[in-house]
Amino acid sequence: MTVIRGVDVDERGRCAHWRTERDVVAHRCETCGRFWACHECHWALADHPFGRADPAAPATVLCGACGHLSSYEDYSAAPFCAGCGHPFNPRCALHRGLYVT
């Protein structure tokens, strides 16, 4: 399984900042190519700004429950993971501009 970086990350990718049952999505930073539990974790641990992805770019969103990779477009169009059906947090849409261009 792909490593999800962050502060106090659990086995499903939930971090110290976002820990509800539905907070299982990690985003790939286009600058370093690593998956991060959230933008706050990236700010705390990385030495560069978060590199935002093109929404249509493949494999930029990772489900921490099953490891399924998708584009941001596909991820944001469904309320659950296409790989395992795990529900996503709908409030994550509020942070769209932090992860994609």
Protein backbone atom coordinates (compact mmCIF):
# COMPACT_ATOMS: atom_id res chain seq x y z
CA MET A 1 0.00 0.00 0.00
CA THR A 2 1.12 3.56 -0.71
CA VAL A 3 2.44 5.51 2.26
CA ILE A 4 0.28 8.40 3.42
CA ARG A 5 2.38 11.05 5.11
CA GLY A 6 1.16 13.33 7.87
CA VAL A 7 0.94 14.03 11.57
CA ASP A 8 -0.23 11.03 13.64
CA VAL A 9 -1.58 9.16 10.60
CA ASP A 10 -3.53 5.97 11.30
CA GLU A 11 -3.85 2.84 9.12
CA ARG A 12 -6.54 4.48 6.95
CA GLY A 13 -4.81 7.81 6.41
CA ARG A 14 -6.66 9.85 9.02
CA CYS A 15 -4.40 12.42 10.66
CA ALA A 16 -4.22 14.63 13.73
CA HIS A 17 -6.25 17.30 11.91
CA TRP A 18 -9.03 15.20 10.32
CA ARG A 19 -10.16 12.03 12.09
CA THR A 20 -13.78 11.26 11.29
CA GLU A 21 -14.67 7.84 9.89
CA ARG A 22 -15.02 9.43 6.43
CA ASP A 23 -11.63 11.20 6.39
CA VAL A 24 -9.78 8.55 4.40
CA VAL A 25 -8.61 10.52 1.35
CA ALA A 26 -5.01 11.50 0.69
CA HIS A 27 -3.86 13.89 -2.04
CA ARG A 28 -0.62 13.71 -4.02
CA CYS A 29 1.59 16.78 -3.92
CA GLU A 30 2.73 17.46 -7.49
CA THR A 31 5.98 18.94 -6.18
CA CYS A 32 7.27 15.93 -4.23
CA GLY A 33 4.99 13.18 -5.57
CA ARG A 34 4.04 12.00 -2.09
CA PHE A 35 0.54 11.43 -0.74
CA TRP A 36 -0.48 13.57 2.24
CA ALA A 37 -3.32 13.10 4.70
CA CYS A 38 -4.16 16.82 4.51
CA HIS A 39 -2.85 20.25 3.62
CA GLU A 40 -2.13 21.03 7.27
CA CYS A 41 0.11 17.97 7.57
CA HIS A 42 1.96 19.04 4.42
CA TRP A 43 2.46 22.55 5.80
CA ALA A 44 3.79 21.12 9.07
CA LEU A 45 6.19 18.54 7.61
CA ALA A 46 7.22 19.49 4.06
CA ASP A 47 9.84 22.03 3.03
CA HIS A 48 7.89 23.31 0.01
CA PRO A 49 4.40 24.53 -0.91
CA PHE A 50 1.81 21.92 -1.83
CA GLY A 51 1.93 21.34 -5.59
CA ARG A 52 -1.67 21.34 -6.80
CA ALA A 53 -2.76 18.87 -9.48
CA ASP A 54 -4.81 19.24 -12.62
CA PRO A 55 -8.28 17.92 -11.63
CA ALA A 56 -8.23 15.46 -14.56
CA ALA A 57 -4.74 14.11 -13.82
CA PRO A 58 -4.88 10.41 -12.98
CA ALA A 59 -3.75 8.90 -9.67
CA THR A 60 -3.74 12.09 -7.59
CA VAL A 61 -6.26 10.97 -4.95
CA LEU A 62 -5.76 7.87 -2.80
CA CYS A 63 -8.39 6.07 -0.72
CA GLY A 64 -6.82 5.22 2.63
CA ALA A 65 -9.32 2.41 3.16
CA CYS A 66 -8.36 0.35 0.11
CA GLY A 67 -5.56 2.11 -1.80
CA HIS A 68 -7.68 2.89 -4.88
CA LEU A 69 -6.22 5.73 -6.97
CA SER A 70 -8.31 8.21 -8.92
CA SER A 71 -8.29 11.66 -10.42
CA TYR A 72 -9.69 14.53 -8.38
CA GLU A 73 -12.54 14.80 -10.91
CA ASP A 74 -13.57 11.18 -10.35
CA TYR A 75 -13.12 11.41 -6.57
CA SER A 76 -15.18 14.59 -6.24
CA ALA A 77 -18.01 13.27 -8.45
CA ALA A 78 -18.89 10.40 -6.09
CA PRO A 79 -19.71 10.33 -2.37
CA PHE A 80 -17.80 7.06 -1.92
CA CYS A 81 -14.70 5.22 -3.14
CA ALA A 82 -15.05 3.53 -6.54
CA GLY A 83 -12.74 0.77 -5.31
CA CYS A 84 -14.30 -0.25 -2.01
CA GLY A 85 -17.43 1.84 -1.48
CA HIS A 86 -16.09 3.58 1.65
CA PRO A 87 -17.93 6.91 2.08
CA PHE A 88 -15.96 10.14 1.73
CA ASN A 89 -16.37 13.29 3.82
CA PRO A 90 -18.50 15.68 1.72
CA ARG A 91 -16.98 18.67 3.52
CA CYS A 92 -13.63 17.94 1.87
CA ALA A 93 -14.99 19.83 -1.14
CA LEU A 94 -14.41 23.03 0.85
CA HIS A 95 -10.64 22.48 0.41
CA ARG A 96 -10.67 21.85 -3.34
CA GLY A 97 -8.52 24.88 -4.14
CA LEU A 98 -5.73 23.63 -1.90
CA TYR A 99 -5.28 20.41 -3.90
CA VAL A 100 -6.16 21.15 -7.53
CA THR A 101 -5.68 24.00 -9.97
